Amino acid sequence: MTDTELNALESAAKAATPGPWHKGDSMLSGGVWVLGPATDTKSICITGYARGESSNENNAAYIAAANPAAILELIAELRELKSRYPHPQYAYEL
């Protein structure tokens, strides 16, 4: 991942609704939702309207896990490793 791509991902994560996110069901629409923090009533997205369909459930769980806080943590770790091992040929030392 280039520095430009990493910076764009970081900007997107910082602009998004902060995590943690969680998967939830909508009793009204029957959909599988990704919701923001418990104190936030906003939904992040809906992965489908068929509750119980494994792809909708799995997609919602994945999206919730890849919330902005998790992405920012991964970016920080990747930058630390890149600074410690700047040459790709030495990556095996990780």
Foldseek 3Di string as FASTA:
>chain_A
DDPVVLVVLLVVLVPDQAAQWDWDADPVQQFIWIPGDPVDPDTPGTQDNPPPDVVRVVVSHVDNCPHSVNSVVVSVVVVVVCVVPVDPVPVVVD
